[in-house]
Amino acid sequence: MEGIRRRFKRLNDRFRLVILDEDTLEETASFILSRKSIYIVLSSFVMVVFLLVYGAFALTPLKYYIPGYGDVKLRQEYIRLNIKMDSLQNVLQANEKYWDDIRKVLKGDAQIQQSDTVSAEE
C-alpha cells in the first residue's frame, strides 16, 4: 500500500525542462512538467493519432484497400450469385438423376415399383 502511495506522489513531482541556445547559452524555452502531465499529453497525442487514422479509413475510400473489406454492391452481387449457383447445382443434380434413370430404362436395369394406388384394371 505504501508503494502505491509513493508512486502516486511521484506522478506529481515537478521537473523543469530548459531549452538553451547552444551558441549563446541563452534560455530559449522553459517548461515545468510532471510525470502525470507528460503521461496525459502523450496519451492524448496517441488518441488523436488513432482517431485520425481511424477516421481516414472509416470515412474515405481508403477502407476498400483493407483486405477482406469489399464494396456493399459487390457483396450483394456475391450473395446473389451464390444463391443462383446453389439453385443451378440443384437443377444439375436433378437432371443427372433424370438421365441416369433414362439410361437404366434403356438398358433394362430399371426396377419397376408397384404403386399403392388402385389401377383401372382391378
C-alpha atoms as a PDB file:
ATOM      1  CA  MET A   1       0.000   0.000   0.000  1.00  0.00           C
ATOM      2  CA  GLU A   2       2.866   2.316   0.819  1.00  0.00           C
ATOM      3  CA  GLY A   3       4.472   1.643  -2.580  1.00  0.00           C
ATOM      4  CA  ILE A   4       1.306   2.633  -4.398  1.00  0.00           C
ATOM      5  CA  ARG A   5       1.053   5.916  -2.473  1.00  0.00           C
ATOM      6  CA  ARG A   6       4.682   6.683  -3.235  1.00  0.00           C
ATOM      7  CA  ARG A   7       4.094   6.069  -6.951  1.00  0.00           C
ATOM      8  CA  PHE A   8       1.093   8.400  -6.978  1.00  0.00           C
ATOM      9  CA  LYS A   9       3.113  11.089  -5.174  1.00  0.00           C
ATOM     10  CA  ARG A  10       5.919  10.698  -7.714  1.00  0.00           C
ATOM     11  CA  LEU A  11       3.397  11.355 -10.502  1.00  0.00           C
ATOM     12  CA  ASN A  12       3.045  14.914  -9.196  1.00  0.00           C
ATOM     13  CA  ASP A  13       6.771  15.601  -8.745  1.00  0.00           C
ATOM     14  CA  ARG A  14       7.697  18.594 -10.867  1.00  0.00           C
ATOM     15  CA  PHE A  15      10.649  18.826 -13.215  1.00  0.00           C
ATOM     16  CA  ARG A  16      11.922  21.763 -15.147  1.00  0.00           C
ATOM     17  CA  LEU A  17      12.781  21.352 -18.822  1.00  0.00           C
ATOM     18  CA  VAL A  18      15.021  24.133 -20.077  1.00  0.00           C
ATOM     19  CA  ILE A  19      15.945  24.544 -23.737  1.00  0.00           C
ATOM     20  CA  LEU A  20      19.133  26.535 -24.292  1.00  0.00           C
ATOM     21  CA  ASP A  21      20.666  28.053 -27.393  1.00  0.00           C
ATOM     22  CA  GLU A  22      23.915  26.133 -27.775  1.00  0.00           C
ATOM     23  CA  ASP A  23      25.950  29.050 -29.094  1.00  0.00           C
ATOM     24  CA  THR A  24      24.978  31.723 -26.578  1.00  0.00           C
ATOM     25  CA  LEU A  25      23.687  29.501 -23.745  1.00  0.00           C
ATOM     26  CA  GLU A  26      20.656  31.743 -23.710  1.00  0.00           C
ATOM     27  CA  GLU A  27      17.459  30.158 -22.360  1.00  0.00           C
ATOM     28  CA  THR A  28      15.113  29.695 -25.296  1.00  0.00           C
ATOM     29  CA  ALA A  29      12.231  27.980 -23.541  1.00  0.00           C
ATOM     30  CA  SER A  30      11.416  26.644 -20.127  1.00  0.00           C
ATOM     31  CA  PHE A  31       8.715  24.156 -19.120  1.00  0.00           C
ATOM     32  CA  ILE A  32       7.647  22.857 -15.745  1.00  0.00           C
ATOM     33  CA  LEU A  33       6.489  19.266 -16.184  1.00  0.00           C
ATOM     34  CA  SER A  34       5.347  16.390 -14.047  1.00  0.00           C
ATOM     35  CA  ARG A  35       5.120  12.714 -14.898  1.00  0.00           C
ATOM     36  CA  LYS A  36       1.344  12.992 -14.858  1.00  0.00           C
ATOM     37  CA  SER A  37       1.296  15.879 -17.347  1.00  0.00           C
ATOM     38  CA  ILE A  38       3.701  14.030 -19.665  1.00  0.00           C
ATOM     39  CA  TYR A  39       1.509  10.920 -19.448  1.00  0.00           C
ATOM     40  CA  ILE A  40      -1.619  12.959 -20.204  1.00  0.00           C
ATOM     41  CA  VAL A  41      -0.022  14.734 -23.179  1.00  0.00           C
ATOM     42  CA  LEU A  42       1.368  11.500 -24.661  1.00  0.00           C
ATOM     43  CA  SER A  43      -1.907   9.648 -24.113  1.00  0.00           C
ATOM     44  CA  SER A  44      -3.855  12.470 -25.744  1.00  0.00           C
ATOM     45  CA  PHE A  45      -1.443  12.505 -28.688  1.00  0.00           C
ATOM     46  CA  VAL A  46      -1.813   8.743 -29.191  1.00  0.00           C
ATOM     47  CA  MET A  47      -5.608   9.006 -29.035  1.00  0.00           C
ATOM     48  CA  VAL A  48      -5.688  11.884 -31.549  1.00  0.00           C
ATOM     49  CA  VAL A  49      -3.438   9.963 -33.950  1.00  0.00           C
ATOM     50  CA  PHE A  50      -5.600   6.848 -33.541  1.00  0.00           C
ATOM     51  CA  LEU A  51      -8.787   8.812 -34.219  1.00  0.00           C
ATOM     52  CA  LEU A  52      -7.259  10.473 -37.282  1.00  0.00           C
ATOM     53  CA  VAL A  53      -6.142   7.138 -38.735  1.00  0.00           C
ATOM     54  CA  TYR A  54      -9.485   5.536 -37.928  1.00  0.00           C
ATOM     55  CA  GLY A  55     -11.327   8.469 -39.485  1.00  0.00           C
ATOM     56  CA  ALA A  56      -9.146   8.323 -42.576  1.00  0.00           C
ATOM     57  CA  PHE A  57     -10.032   4.682 -43.123  1.00  0.00           C
ATOM     58  CA  ALA A  58     -13.661   4.760 -41.975  1.00  0.00           C
ATOM     59  CA  LEU A  59     -14.785   7.898 -43.754  1.00  0.00           C
ATOM     60  CA  THR A  60     -12.809   7.759 -47.001  1.00  0.00           C
ATOM     61  CA  PRO A  61     -12.441   5.255 -49.842  1.00  0.00           C
ATOM     62  CA  LEU A  62      -9.203   4.030 -48.222  1.00  0.00           C
ATOM     63  CA  LYS A  63     -11.284   1.364 -46.481  1.00  0.00           C
ATOM     64  CA  TYR A  64     -11.620  -0.501 -49.772  1.00  0.00           C
ATOM     65  CA  TYR A  65      -7.873  -1.191 -49.698  1.00  0.00           C
ATOM     66  CA  ILE A  66      -8.214  -3.180 -46.469  1.00  0.00           C
ATOM     67  CA  PRO A  67      -8.065  -6.916 -47.285  1.00  0.00           C
ATOM     68  CA  GLY A  68     -11.440  -8.555 -46.783  1.00  0.00           C
ATOM     69  CA  TYR A  69     -13.388  -5.316 -46.895  1.00  0.00           C
ATOM     70  CA  GLY A  70     -15.438  -5.117 -50.041  1.00  0.00           C
ATOM     71  CA  ASP A  71     -17.883  -2.768 -51.626  1.00  0.00           C
ATOM     72  CA  VAL A  72     -21.504  -3.186 -50.486  1.00  0.00           C
ATOM     73  CA  LYS A  73     -22.677  -3.658 -54.072  1.00  0.00           C
ATOM     74  CA  LEU A  74     -20.051  -6.322 -54.680  1.00  0.00           C
ATOM     75  CA  ARG A  75     -21.093  -8.135 -51.502  1.00  0.00           C
ATOM     76  CA  GLN A  76     -24.761  -8.117 -52.564  1.00  0.00           C
ATOM     77  CA  GLU A  77     -23.769  -9.374 -56.013  1.00  0.00           C
ATOM     78  CA  TYR A  78     -21.690 -12.125 -54.415  1.00  0.00           C
ATOM     79  CA  ILE A  79     -24.654 -13.252 -52.299  1.00  0.00           C
ATOM     80  CA  ARG A  80     -26.986 -13.190 -55.304  1.00  0.00           C
ATOM     81  CA  LEU A  81     -24.555 -15.236 -57.398  1.00  0.00           C
ATOM     82  CA  ASN A  82     -24.069 -17.709 -54.555  1.00  0.00           C
ATOM     83  CA  ILE A  83     -27.832 -18.292 -54.336  1.00  0.00           C
ATOM     84  CA  LYS A  84     -28.044 -18.693 -58.107  1.00  0.00           C
ATOM     85  CA  MET A  85     -25.137 -21.160 -58.095  1.00  0.00           C
ATOM     86  CA  ASP A  86     -26.837 -23.257 -55.399  1.00  0.00           C
ATOM     87  CA  SER A  87     -30.066 -23.417 -57.384  1.00  0.00           C
ATOM     88  CA  LEU A  88     -28.168 -24.341 -60.558  1.00  0.00           C
ATOM     89  CA  GLN A  89     -26.404 -27.121 -58.674  1.00  0.00           C
ATOM     90  CA  ASN A  90     -29.788 -28.466 -57.546  1.00  0.00           C
ATOM     91  CA  VAL A  91     -31.088 -28.355 -61.130  1.00  0.00           C
ATOM     92  CA  LEU A  92     -27.927 -30.101 -62.371  1.00  0.00           C
ATOM     93  CA  GLN A  93     -28.306 -32.868 -59.785  1.00  0.00           C
ATOM     94  CA  ALA A  94     -31.967 -33.341 -60.740  1.00  0.00           C
ATOM     95  CA  ASN A  95     -31.021 -33.530 -64.445  1.00  0.00           C
ATOM     96  CA  GLU A  96     -28.250 -36.050 -63.739  1.00  0.00           C
ATOM     97  CA  LYS A  97     -30.683 -38.231 -61.778  1.00  0.00           C
ATOM     98  CA  TYR A  98     -33.231 -37.965 -64.597  1.00  0.00           C
ATOM     99  CA  TRP A  99     -30.690 -39.004 -67.246  1.00  0.00           C
ATOM    100  CA  ASP A 100     -29.392 -41.835 -65.060  1.00  0.00           C
ATOM    101  CA  ASP A 101     -32.965 -43.137 -64.758  1.00  0.00           C
ATOM    102  CA  ILE A 102     -33.449 -42.853 -68.552  1.00  0.00           C
ATOM    103  CA  ARG A 103     -30.204 -44.843 -69.112  1.00  0.00           C
ATOM    104  CA  LYS A 104     -31.392 -47.535 -66.694  1.00  0.00           C
ATOM    105  CA  VAL A 105     -34.707 -47.826 -68.532  1.00  0.00           C
ATOM    106  CA  LEU A 106     -32.973 -48.085 -71.920  1.00  0.00           C
ATOM    107  CA  LYS A 107     -30.549 -50.757 -70.628  1.00  0.00           C
ATOM    108  CA  GLY A 108     -33.338 -52.675 -68.970  1.00  0.00           C
ATOM    109  CA  ASP A 109     -31.886 -52.318 -65.486  1.00  0.00           C
ATOM    110  CA  ALA A 110     -34.802 -50.269 -64.186  1.00  0.00           C
ATOM    111  CA  GLN A 111     -36.762 -51.665 -61.277  1.00  0.00           C
ATOM    112  CA  ILE A 112     -40.476 -51.114 -61.546  1.00  0.00           C
ATOM    113  CA  GLN A 113     -42.069 -50.128 -58.313  1.00  0.00           C
ATOM    114  CA  GLN A 114     -45.635 -51.083 -57.551  1.00  0.00           C
ATOM    115  CA  SER A 115     -47.708 -48.088 -56.663  1.00  0.00           C
ATOM    116  CA  ASP A 116     -50.191 -48.206 -53.803  1.00  0.00           C
ATOM    117  CA  THR A 117     -52.932 -46.621 -55.874  1.00  0.00           C
ATOM    118  CA  VAL A 118     -55.704 -48.705 -57.349  1.00  0.00           C
ATOM    119  CA  SER A 119     -55.239 -49.236 -61.086  1.00  0.00           C
ATOM    120  CA  ALA A 120     -58.030 -49.151 -63.645  1.00  0.00           C
ATOM    121  CA  GLU A 121     -57.653 -52.907 -64.378  1.00  0.00           C
ATOM    122  CA  GLU A 122     -58.757 -54.060 -60.932  1.00  0.00           C
END
